[in-house]
Amino acid sequence: MAVALAAPPVPRPDAGTARAASAARFPLVAVLALAAAKTALQLSVAGRYGWHRDELYYVDAGRHLDLGYVDFPPLTPLLSRVATAVFGDSLVGLRSLSALAGAAVVVVVALLARELGGGRGAQVFAAFLGATCPVLLGADAMFQTVPFDQLSWAVLALLSVRALSDGSRARWLAVGLAAGVALQTKYTVALLLVGLAAGLVVTATGRRQLRTPGPWLAGAAALVIVAPNLWWQARHGWASLDFFSGGEGYEPGETGPGQYLGELLLLVGPAFLLLSAAGWRLLARDRRWSPLAVAAAVVLAGFLVTGGKSYYAAPIAFLLYGAGAVAASRWRWPARWSVVGGALVTLLVAGPFILPLAGERSMVERELYELREDYAEQVGWPELAAEVAGAVRALPAAERASAAVLASNYGEAGAVERFGGDDMPPVVSAHVSHRFWVTDDDRTARTLVVVGHPRSWLAPRCADLAQVGTVTNDAGVPNEEAGGPVFRCRLPGTLADLWPDVLATR
């Protein structure tokens, strides 16, 4: 009688072994090559066209490190302080941090594709999507909160995928720590966290996770990290809530639905639209990742309903790129190559609007600043500071000793601080966070050199008022400051007496 011998069972690798094997398959060289190419492109044009008003503000904020600011959390000023310590006053040095943040996003998007089950081809494809994404390239051209915000969204997506995969406390703790850091970078990430919470509540996978300590541990960790900023807000009358609800000229809900959707399509990349939709479908159909599909939908709909700016929602694309690259691995090659071709065509056509590829003269002649306002905000600051500095130096020595420069906004204040010279008197402004940096000694000034405030406001408040200059810019760009007057104002008292009126203008 024959005896059938059963084959011994093949042992299945445990999660750690599978993860190690996946890591070994990661196409590190190809992904780093794409990240390096993107970084090299960014750095090659990082010196154009000059300092943006926001960059001047962040560097000023870095000189006044605090636990909070009116219109952004404290991480970006801290990074500007680091850049200044390492690179001095180099604009390229400052912007190199943004370029490096963008390079990190490229790597994280590839890692997302791996965690979602994509092979080497999908991972390289995901890295390509990140490296050619218009919103990433455009944001990384300047030092601002956005590049670091985009990186925090990508990292949060990656860590959330990992936490949903195994539900371990360590994975969820990592999500919480990343969420806390993200909230210290830009407040708009809160909607992603709300979306993730909603996904945990409305999906079966999410509810199973909520029955474990992991998500609650994540929430506690995030709260601990953000607590110092909340303490600052409480001490300063919840200044950020006041600002984002319409204070100081900020216009909440200013983007209409059509504008929001159209801009979002351009920022994410028209060639990537179907791929992003395929990525969302993959997340929605796989029960493991369904909470992330809900989170993505909440982000896109939430900013649409509230009138948020399109670039607030754009970082959700990195999650969809990672998932879309996995979905596209099942497509035929012509379909995948059409995405690659479409991305390259987008860069060729829209490149000068995404990156400062054109020289300054060409940018002005082609009026590219009309289509990307950031370009107009990067010219004229040295000229403005020179005009103000000239007015200060024209004051008699005794009068100069009790003078101050009064600027109407943070760009003007930052420009005088950056380009005015070491002999400038105190530069004061009541615009957003600047009002918290004005000291009692600054308020003893009896003579003001004023930029940005109109004659009609100054005339009844000055004992003697004279226009002593006019702001110009060598590029000839008609930006917000061009053609503005510079005044000398001799006060009947001191700046302390005028300060309540200055605060009322913010």
Protein backbone atom coordinates (compact mmCIF):
# COMPACT_ATOMS: atom_id res chain seq x y z
CA MET A 1 0.00 0.00 0.00
CA ALA A 2 1.45 3.29 -1.05
CA VAL A 3 1.74 5.99 1.50
CA ALA A 4 1.30 9.54 0.26
CA LEU A 5 3.79 11.84 1.84
CA ALA A 6 2.54 15.37 2.34
CA ALA A 7 4.96 18.14 1.52
CA PRO A 8 6.11 20.02 4.57
CA PRO A 9 4.39 23.37 5.00
CA VAL A 10 6.33 26.35 3.78
CA PRO A 11 6.85 28.75 6.68
CA ARG A 12 5.41 32.21 6.09
CA PRO A 13 7.74 35.05 6.93
CA ASP A 14 6.75 37.11 9.90
CA ALA A 15 6.01 40.82 9.57
CA GLY A 16 9.55 41.78 10.50
CA THR A 17 11.08 39.49 7.87
CA ALA A 18 8.66 40.71 5.21
CA ARG A 19 9.45 44.30 6.11
CA ALA A 20 13.17 43.63 5.92
CA ALA A 21 12.77 41.99 2.52
CA SER A 22 10.73 44.96 1.34
CA ALA A 23 13.41 47.34 2.58
CA ALA A 24 16.06 45.35 0.70
CA ARG A 25 14.06 45.81 -2.50
CA PHE A 26 13.80 49.58 -2.11
CA PRO A 27 15.37 51.21 -5.21
CA LEU A 28 17.46 53.62 -3.16
CA VAL A 29 19.82 54.73 -5.93
CA ALA A 30 17.03 55.55 -8.40
CA VAL A 31 14.94 57.37 -5.79
CA LEU A 32 17.88 59.38 -4.50
CA ALA A 33 18.86 60.23 -8.08
CA LEU A 34 15.42 61.73 -8.70
CA ALA A 35 15.53 63.62 -5.39
CA ALA A 36 19.03 64.90 -6.18
CA ALA A 37 18.03 66.02 -9.68
CA LYS A 38 15.10 67.98 -8.26
CA THR A 39 17.33 69.55 -5.60
CA ALA A 40 19.99 70.51 -8.15
CA LEU A 41 17.34 72.21 -10.31
CA GLN A 42 15.95 74.10 -7.31
CA LEU A 43 19.38 75.27 -6.14
CA SER A 44 20.42 76.35 -9.64
CA VAL A 45 17.76 79.09 -9.56
CA ALA A 46 17.62 79.69 -5.81
CA GLY A 47 19.22 83.14 -6.11
CA ARG A 48 16.42 84.57 -8.26
CA TYR A 49 14.85 87.08 -8.08
CA GLY A 50 15.49 88.30 -4.60
CA TRP A 51 14.06 88.03 -1.11
CA HIS A 52 10.30 87.52 -0.89
CA ARG A 53 8.46 89.60 1.69
CA ASP A 54 7.55 86.41 3.59
CA GLU A 55 11.21 85.35 3.72
CA LEU A 56 12.12 88.71 5.24
CA TYR A 57 9.39 88.12 7.82
CA TYR A 58 10.51 84.60 8.73
CA VAL A 59 14.10 85.75 9.18
CA ASP A 60 12.86 88.60 11.39
CA ALA A 61 10.82 86.07 13.37
CA GLY A 62 13.95 83.95 13.71
CA ARG A 63 15.59 86.90 15.46
CA HIS A 64 12.69 86.90 17.92
CA LEU A 65 12.30 83.21 18.72
CA ASP A 66 9.14 82.45 20.69
CA LEU A 67 6.65 79.69 21.34
CA GLY A 68 4.17 81.18 18.89
CA TYR A 69 3.44 83.88 16.33
CA VAL A 70 0.25 85.43 15.02
CA ASP A 71 0.07 83.86 11.56
CA PHE A 72 2.22 80.73 11.78
CA PRO A 73 3.54 78.26 14.37
CA PRO A 74 7.15 78.43 15.65
CA LEU A 75 8.99 75.79 13.59
CA THR A 76 9.70 77.85 10.44
CA PRO A 77 11.25 80.80 12.35
CA LEU A 78 13.43 78.29 14.19
CA LEU A 79 14.60 76.87 10.87
CA SER A 80 15.35 80.38 9.59
CA ARG A 81 17.48 80.93 12.69
CA VAL A 82 19.37 77.71 11.91
CA ALA A 83 19.87 78.76 8.27
CA THR A 84 21.18 82.17 9.34
CA ALA A 85 23.58 80.56 11.81
CA VAL A 86 24.91 78.17 9.15
CA PHE A 87 24.77 80.29 5.97
CA GLY A 88 24.72 83.87 7.27
CA ASP A 89 22.50 86.20 5.25
CA SER A 90 22.65 84.01 2.14
CA LEU A 91 19.34 83.77 0.30
CA VAL A 92 20.51 80.59 -1.45
CA GLY A 93 21.46 79.13 1.92
CA LEU A 94 18.03 79.94 3.32
CA ARG A 95 16.23 78.44 0.34
CA SER A 96 18.39 75.33 0.42
CA LEU A 97 16.39 74.16 3.44
CA SER A 98 13.22 74.30 1.35
CA ALA A 99 14.93 72.38 -1.45
CA LEU A 100 16.06 69.69 0.99
CA ALA A 101 12.54 69.41 2.41
CA GLY A 102 11.27 68.83 -1.13
CA ALA A 103 13.91 66.17 -1.74
CA ALA A 104 12.76 64.41 1.41
CA VAL A 105 9.17 64.42 0.12
CA VAL A 106 10.31 62.60 -3.04
CA VAL A 107 11.83 59.85 -0.90
CA VAL A 108 8.78 59.64 1.39
CA VAL A 109 6.40 59.28 -1.56
CA ALA A 110 8.46 56.34 -2.80
CA LEU A 111 8.33 54.81 0.68
CA LEU A 112 4.56 55.28 0.68
CA ALA A 113 4.31 53.24 -2.52
CA ARG A 114 6.39 50.50 -0.91
CA GLU A 115 4.24 50.42 2.24
CA LEU A 116 1.11 50.19 0.10
CA GLY A 117 2.46 47.11 -1.64
CA GLY A 118 4.15 48.58 -4.68
CA GLY A 119 7.23 46.93 -6.21
CA ARG A 120 10.44 48.62 -7.31
CA GLY A 121 8.86 50.03 -10.46
CA ALA A 122 5.95 51.54 -8.54
CA GLN A 123 8.33 53.04 -5.99
CA VAL A 124 10.49 54.72 -8.66
CA PHE A 125 7.34 55.90 -10.44
CA ALA A 126 6.06 57.42 -7.18
CA ALA A 127 9.39 59.22 -6.70
CA PHE A 128 9.10 60.59 -10.25
CA LEU A 129 5.59 61.86 -9.49
CA GLY A 130 6.89 63.67 -6.42
CA ALA A 131 9.94 65.11 -8.19
CA THR A 132 7.84 66.59 -11.03
CA CYS A 133 4.85 67.72 -8.95
CA PRO A 134 4.17 71.41 -9.76
CA VAL A 135 3.12 72.37 -6.22
CA LEU A 136 6.26 70.84 -4.73
CA LEU A 137 8.59 72.48 -7.23
CA GLY A 138 6.87 75.84 -6.87
CA ALA A 139 6.77 75.84 -3.08
CA ASP A 140 10.41 74.80 -2.73
CA ALA A 141 11.52 77.85 -4.73
CA MET A 142 11.18 79.98 -1.59
CA PHE A 143 11.72 79.66 2.14
CA GLN A 144 8.28 79.61 3.74
CA THR A 145 6.08 77.38 5.86
CA VAL A 146 4.75 75.49 2.84
CA PRO A 147 7.75 73.23 1.99
CA PHE A 148 7.99 72.01 5.57
CA ASP A 149 4.21 71.65 5.78
CA GLN A 150 4.25 69.50 2.64
CA LEU A 151 6.94 67.29 4.15
CA SER A 152 4.94 66.91 7.36
CA TRP A 153 1.83 65.81 5.39
CA ALA A 154 3.85 63.22 3.48
CA VAL A 155 5.46 61.87 6.66
CA LEU A 156 2.09 61.74 8.42
CA ALA A 157 0.63 59.76 5.52
CA LEU A 158 3.53 57.30 5.59
CA LEU A 159 3.37 56.78 9.35
CA SER A 160 -0.42 56.44 9.25
CA VAL A 161 -0.15 53.68 6.64
CA ARG A 162 2.29 51.87 8.89
CA ALA A 163 0.13 52.33 11.98
CA LEU A 164 -2.97 51.06 10.19
CA SER A 165 -0.96 48.10 8.95
CA ASP A 166 -0.05 46.64 12.32
CA GLY A 167 -1.78 48.84 14.92
CA SER A 168 1.17 48.78 17.32
CA ARG A 169 1.51 51.42 20.01
CA ALA A 170 4.96 52.37 18.73
CA ARG A 171 3.57 53.04 15.24
CA TRP A 172 0.74 55.17 16.59
CA LEU A 173 3.10 57.04 18.90
CA ALA A 174 5.16 57.94 15.82
CA VAL A 175 1.98 59.27 14.17
CA GLY A 176 1.26 61.41 17.22
CA LEU A 177 4.77 62.83 17.38
CA ALA A 178 4.67 63.65 13.66
CA ALA A 179 1.23 65.28 14.08
CA GLY A 180 2.56 67.48 16.88
CA VAL A 181 5.51 68.61 14.78
CA ALA A 182 3.19 69.21 11.81
CA LEU A 183 0.96 71.45 13.94
CA GLN A 184 4.06 73.42 14.89
CA THR A 185 4.73 73.92 11.17
CA LYS A 186 1.38 75.07 9.72
CA TYR A 187 -2.06 75.01 11.28
CA THR A 188 -3.83 73.83 8.11
CA VAL A 189 -2.63 70.27 8.77
CA ALA A 190 -5.36 70.16 11.42
CA LEU A 191 -7.88 69.31 8.69
CA LEU A 192 -5.84 66.25 7.71
CA LEU A 193 -5.89 65.15 11.34
CA VAL A 194 -9.65 65.75 11.51
CA GLY A 195 -10.02 63.68 8.34
CA LEU A 196 -7.93 60.86 9.79
CA ALA A 197 -10.03 60.91 12.97
CA ALA A 198 -13.20 60.80 10.87
CA GLY A 199 -11.78 57.85 8.93
CA LEU A 200 -11.14 55.98 12.16
CA VAL A 201 -14.73 56.58 13.27
CA VAL A 202 -16.64 55.74 10.07
CA THR A 203 -14.71 52.67 8.86
CA ALA A 204 -14.65 49.20 10.38
CA THR A 205 -10.86 49.17 10.28
CA GLY A 206 -10.74 52.48 12.06
CA ARG A 207 -13.17 51.45 14.78
CA ARG A 208 -11.05 48.37 15.49
CA GLN A 209 -8.06 50.66 15.89
CA LEU A 210 -10.00 52.94 18.24
CA ARG A 211 -10.58 49.99 20.54
CA THR A 212 -6.82 49.83 21.07
CA PRO A 213 -4.64 52.35 22.97
CA GLY A 214 -2.70 53.36 19.82
CA PRO A 215 -4.77 56.24 18.38
CA TRP A 216 -5.39 57.68 21.84
CA LEU A 217 -1.68 57.58 22.59
CA ALA A 218 -1.08 59.41 19.31
CA GLY A 219 -3.55 62.15 20.27
CA ALA A 220 -1.91 62.59 23.66
CA ALA A 221 1.57 62.81 22.13
CA ALA A 222 0.45 65.44 19.62
CA LEU A 223 -1.16 67.48 22.40
CA VAL A 224 2.02 67.43 24.47
CA ILE A 225 4.09 68.77 21.57
CA VAL A 226 1.62 71.51 20.67
CA ALA A 227 0.94 72.53 24.31
CA PRO A 228 3.64 75.29 24.43
CA ASN A 229 2.12 76.96 21.39
CA LEU A 230 -1.36 76.75 22.94
CA TRP A 231 0.05 78.34 26.08
CA TRP A 232 1.48 81.20 23.98
CA GLN A 233 -1.88 81.63 22.24
CA ALA A 234 -3.71 81.81 25.58
CA ARG A 235 -1.26 84.42 26.88
CA HIS A 236 -1.71 86.54 23.73
CA GLY A 237 -5.49 86.49 23.51
CA TRP A 238 -5.62 83.66 20.94
CA ALA A 239 -4.02 85.94 18.39
CA SER A 240 -3.97 83.32 15.63
CA LEU A 241 -7.69 82.63 15.96
CA ASP A 242 -8.33 86.35 15.67
CA PHE A 243 -6.09 86.58 12.61
CA PHE A 244 -7.53 83.61 10.73
CA SER A 245 -11.09 84.68 11.50
CA GLY A 246 -10.54 87.96 9.66
CA GLY A 247 -8.22 90.08 11.79
CA GLU A 248 -5.47 92.31 10.31
CA GLY A 249 -6.82 92.24 6.78
CA TYR A 250 -6.72 88.46 6.38
CA GLU A 251 -9.63 87.30 4.23
CA PRO A 252 -10.91 83.86 5.25
CA GLY A 253 -13.04 82.02 2.75
CA GLU A 254 -11.79 84.13 -0.13
CA THR A 255 -11.37 81.32 -2.72
CA GLY A 256 -14.46 80.37 -4.72
CA PRO A 257 -15.17 76.72 -5.61
CA GLY A 258 -14.27 77.11 -9.27
CA GLN A 259 -11.00 78.87 -8.50
CA TYR A 260 -10.15 76.34 -5.79
CA LEU A 261 -10.70 73.31 -8.03
CA GLY A 262 -8.97 74.87 -11.05
CA GLU A 263 -5.90 75.92 -9.07
CA LEU A 264 -5.77 72.56 -7.31
CA LEU A 265 -5.74 70.77 -10.66
CA LEU A 266 -2.81 72.91 -11.83
CA LEU A 267 -0.91 72.50 -8.56
CA VAL A 268 -1.31 68.73 -8.43
CA GLY A 269 -0.64 68.43 -12.16
CA PRO A 270 -3.22 67.79 -14.89
CA ALA A 271 -1.29 64.70 -16.02
CA PHE A 272 -1.67 63.19 -12.55
CA LEU A 273 -5.43 63.65 -12.18
CA LEU A 274 -6.55 60.16 -13.24
CA LEU A 275 -3.61 58.58 -11.45
CA SER A 276 -4.54 60.39 -8.21
CA ALA A 277 -8.14 59.21 -8.62
CA ALA A 278 -6.85 55.64 -9.09
CA GLY A 279 -4.82 56.06 -5.91
CA TRP A 280 -7.86 57.17 -3.93
CA ARG A 281 -9.85 54.22 -5.29
CA LEU A 282 -7.10 51.82 -4.21
CA LEU A 283 -7.18 53.25 -0.67
CA ALA A 284 -10.98 53.15 -0.52
CA ARG A 285 -11.26 49.54 -1.72
CA ASP A 286 -8.62 48.12 0.64
CA ARG A 287 -10.07 47.89 4.15
CA ARG A 288 -6.63 48.41 5.68
CA TRP A 289 -6.27 51.88 4.17
CA SER A 290 -9.92 52.98 4.00
CA PRO A 291 -9.50 55.52 6.86
CA LEU A 292 -6.95 57.33 4.68
CA ALA A 293 -9.42 57.48 1.78
CA VAL A 294 -11.86 59.20 4.14
CA ALA A 295 -9.12 61.56 5.31
CA ALA A 296 -8.30 62.56 1.72
CA ALA A 297 -11.97 63.22 0.95
CA VAL A 298 -12.37 65.33 4.10
CA VAL A 299 -9.32 67.44 3.18
CA LEU A 300 -10.46 68.10 -0.38
CA ALA A 301 -14.08 68.82 0.59
CA GLY A 302 -13.21 70.69 3.77
CA PHE A 303 -11.09 73.36 2.14
CA LEU A 304 -13.61 73.62 -0.71
CA VAL A 305 -16.49 74.32 1.69
CA THR A 306 -14.53 76.73 3.90
CA GLY A 307 -13.05 78.67 0.98
CA GLY A 308 -9.50 77.61 1.80
CA LYS A 309 -6.68 78.27 -0.62
CA SER A 310 -5.92 75.50 -3.08
CA TYR A 311 -2.37 74.95 -1.87
CA TYR A 312 -3.68 74.17 1.62
CA ALA A 313 -5.15 70.92 0.28
CA ALA A 314 -2.47 70.14 -2.30
CA PRO A 315 -0.17 68.08 0.00
CA ILE A 316 -2.80 65.32 0.15
CA ALA A 317 -1.59 64.58 -3.39
CA PHE A 318 1.53 62.89 -1.99
CA LEU A 319 -0.58 60.17 -0.38
CA LEU A 320 -2.54 59.77 -3.63
CA TYR A 321 0.68 59.68 -5.70
CA GLY A 322 2.02 56.83 -3.58
CA ALA A 323 -1.22 54.90 -3.91
CA GLY A 324 -1.64 55.88 -7.55
CA ALA A 325 1.81 54.56 -8.42
CA VAL A 326 0.79 51.19 -6.98
CA ALA A 327 -2.47 51.23 -8.93
CA ALA A 328 -0.62 52.23 -12.12
CA SER A 329 1.67 49.22 -11.81
CA ARG A 330 -1.29 47.23 -13.16
CA TRP A 331 -1.72 49.53 -16.17
CA ARG A 332 -0.26 48.85 -19.57
CA TRP A 333 2.95 50.67 -20.34
CA PRO A 334 1.42 53.19 -22.79
CA ALA A 335 -0.85 54.48 -20.02
CA ARG A 336 2.06 54.88 -17.61
CA TRP A 337 4.22 56.58 -20.20
CA SER A 338 1.38 59.00 -20.97
CA VAL A 339 1.55 60.18 -17.35
CA VAL A 340 5.32 60.62 -17.61
CA GLY A 341 4.97 62.50 -20.88
CA GLY A 342 2.18 64.67 -19.53
CA ALA A 343 4.26 65.60 -16.48
CA LEU A 344 7.23 66.59 -18.63
CA VAL A 345 5.04 68.66 -20.97
CA THR A 346 3.52 70.42 -17.95
CA LEU A 347 7.00 71.34 -16.71
CA LEU A 348 8.07 72.61 -20.13
CA VAL A 349 4.96 74.76 -20.60
CA ALA A 350 4.46 75.99 -17.05
CA GLY A 351 8.09 75.87 -15.88
CA PRO A 352 8.62 79.67 -15.73
CA PHE A 353 5.50 80.04 -13.58
CA ILE A 354 6.48 77.17 -11.28
CA LEU A 355 10.18 78.04 -10.92
CA PRO A 356 12.13 81.26 -11.54
CA LEU A 357 13.72 79.82 -14.69
CA ALA A 358 13.65 83.10 -16.62
CA GLY A 359 16.15 85.81 -15.76
CA GLU A 360 14.82 88.87 -13.97
CA ARG A 361 14.74 91.04 -17.10
CA SER A 362 12.94 88.32 -19.07
CA MET A 363 10.50 87.80 -16.20
CA VAL A 364 9.64 91.50 -16.19
CA GLU A 365 9.40 91.84 -19.97
CA ARG A 366 7.10 88.81 -20.19
CA GLU A 367 5.14 90.07 -17.16
CA LEU A 368 5.34 86.68 -15.50
CA TYR A 369 4.68 88.43 -12.19
CA GLU A 370 1.09 88.90 -13.38
CA LEU A 371 0.59 85.12 -13.32
CA ARG A 372 2.69 84.39 -10.24
CA GLU A 373 2.43 87.24 -7.77
CA ASP A 374 5.32 85.85 -5.73
CA TYR A 375 7.72 87.16 -8.39
CA ALA A 376 6.49 90.73 -7.88
CA GLU A 377 7.01 90.29 -4.15
CA GLN A 378 10.69 89.44 -4.69
CA VAL A 379 11.89 92.70 -6.21
CA GLY A 380 12.44 96.21 -4.87
CA TRP A 381 13.27 95.53 -1.23
CA PRO A 382 16.89 96.78 -1.31
CA GLU A 383 15.70 99.95 -3.04
CA LEU A 384 12.98 100.52 -0.44
CA ALA A 385 15.48 100.04 2.37
CA ALA A 386 17.96 102.42 0.70
CA GLU A 387 15.29 105.12 0.41
CA VAL A 388 14.35 104.76 4.07
CA ALA A 389 17.99 104.63 5.16
CA GLY A 390 18.74 107.78 3.21
CA ALA A 391 15.90 109.58 4.97
CA VAL A 392 17.20 108.44 8.35
CA ARG A 393 20.76 109.54 7.61
CA ALA A 394 19.51 112.94 6.48
CA LEU A 395 18.20 113.63 10.01
CA PRO A 396 20.36 115.79 12.28
CA ALA A 397 22.51 113.61 14.52
CA ALA A 398 20.67 114.61 17.70
CA GLU A 399 17.29 113.88 16.12
CA ARG A 400 18.50 110.57 14.71
CA ALA A 401 19.37 109.44 18.24
CA SER A 402 15.68 109.59 19.20
CA ALA A 403 14.21 108.31 15.93
CA ALA A 404 12.53 105.10 14.76
CA VAL A 405 11.38 103.68 11.44
CA LEU A 406 7.65 102.95 11.30
CA ALA A 407 6.63 100.40 8.63
CA SER A 408 3.07 99.46 7.75
CA ASN A 409 3.74 95.77 7.08
CA TYR A 410 6.18 92.98 7.78
CA GLY A 411 7.76 93.10 4.32
CA GLU A 412 8.75 96.74 4.69
CA ALA A 413 9.98 96.20 8.25
CA GLY A 414 11.94 93.11 7.26
CA ALA A 415 13.52 94.86 4.28
CA VAL A 416 14.80 97.77 6.39
CA GLU A 417 16.10 95.32 8.99
CA ARG A 418 17.84 93.24 6.30
CA PHE A 419 19.12 95.92 3.90
CA GLY A 420 19.05 99.19 5.84
CA GLY A 421 22.46 98.90 7.46
CA ASP A 422 23.79 98.57 10.99
CA ASP A 423 23.22 102.25 11.81
CA MET A 424 19.43 102.08 11.50
CA PRO A 425 17.31 103.15 14.49
CA PRO A 426 14.66 100.71 15.79
CA VAL A 427 12.31 99.42 13.09
CA VAL A 428 8.75 99.05 14.39
CA SER A 429 5.47 97.87 12.95
CA ALA A 430 2.11 96.77 14.32
CA HIS A 431 1.59 94.27 11.52
CA VAL A 432 0.90 90.70 12.77
CA SER A 433 3.72 89.46 15.03
CA HIS A 434 5.85 92.61 14.73
CA ARG A 435 3.75 94.40 17.32
CA PHE A 436 4.94 91.95 19.98
CA TRP A 437 8.58 92.85 19.27
CA VAL A 438 8.25 96.58 19.94
CA THR A 439 9.89 97.41 23.28
CA ASP A 440 9.35 100.27 25.71
CA ASP A 441 12.69 101.74 24.59
CA ASP A 442 11.45 101.78 20.98
CA ARG A 443 8.39 103.77 22.06
CA THR A 444 10.51 106.69 23.30
CA ALA A 445 11.14 107.80 19.69
CA ARG A 446 10.11 111.39 18.93
CA THR A 447 10.85 111.40 15.20
CA LEU A 448 9.65 108.76 12.77
CA VAL A 449 10.71 107.88 9.26
CA VAL A 450 7.51 106.30 7.93
CA VAL A 451 6.96 103.96 5.00
CA GLY A 452 3.64 102.48 3.95
CA HIS A 453 1.31 104.74 5.95
CA PRO A 454 -0.65 107.37 3.97
CA ARG A 455 -0.34 111.12 4.47
CA SER A 456 -4.03 111.31 5.40
CA TRP A 457 -3.41 109.15 8.47
CA LEU A 458 -0.14 110.81 9.48
CA ALA A 459 -1.06 114.49 9.00
CA PRO A 460 -3.30 114.90 12.08
CA ARG A 461 -0.85 112.94 14.25
CA CYS A 462 2.44 114.65 13.36
CA ALA A 463 3.53 118.08 14.56
CA ASP A 464 5.64 118.38 11.41
CA LEU A 465 5.20 116.12 8.37
CA ALA A 466 7.23 116.10 5.15
CA GLN A 467 7.65 113.65 2.31
CA VAL A 468 11.36 112.84 2.05
CA GLY A 469 11.42 110.03 -0.51
CA THR A 470 9.56 107.75 -2.90
CA VAL A 471 9.86 103.97 -3.12
CA THR A 472 10.98 102.62 -6.49
CA ASN A 473 12.35 99.32 -7.74
CA ASP A 474 15.03 98.90 -10.36
CA ALA A 475 13.11 96.12 -12.08
CA GLY A 476 10.16 98.41 -12.82
CA VAL A 477 7.59 95.96 -11.42
CA PRO A 478 4.38 97.68 -10.21
CA ASN A 479 4.17 95.81 -6.92
CA GLU A 480 2.45 96.86 -3.70
CA GLU A 481 5.29 99.11 -2.49
CA ALA A 482 6.32 100.76 -5.80
CA GLY A 483 5.63 104.50 -5.85
CA GLY A 484 4.83 104.72 -2.15
CA PRO A 485 5.96 107.81 -0.22
CA VAL A 486 8.50 107.95 2.60
CA PHE A 487 7.71 110.55 5.27
CA ARG A 488 9.53 112.27 8.11
CA CYS A 489 7.15 112.75 11.03
CA ARG A 490 8.09 114.84 14.07
CA LEU A 491 5.73 113.83 16.84
CA PRO A 492 4.16 116.19 19.39
CA GLY A 493 5.05 113.58 22.01
CA THR A 494 6.57 110.14 21.67
CA LEU A 495 5.76 106.95 19.78
CA ALA A 496 4.22 105.64 23.02
CA ASP A 497 1.46 108.26 22.64
CA LEU A 498 0.89 107.28 18.98
CA TRP A 499 1.15 103.53 19.52
CA PRO A 500 -2.56 102.86 20.27
CA ASP A 501 -3.44 104.52 16.95
CA VAL A 502 -0.77 102.45 15.17
CA LEU A 503 -2.22 99.26 16.65
CA ALA A 504 -5.67 100.27 15.45
CA THR A 505 -4.42 100.26 11.83
CA ARG A 506 -3.45 96.58 11.86
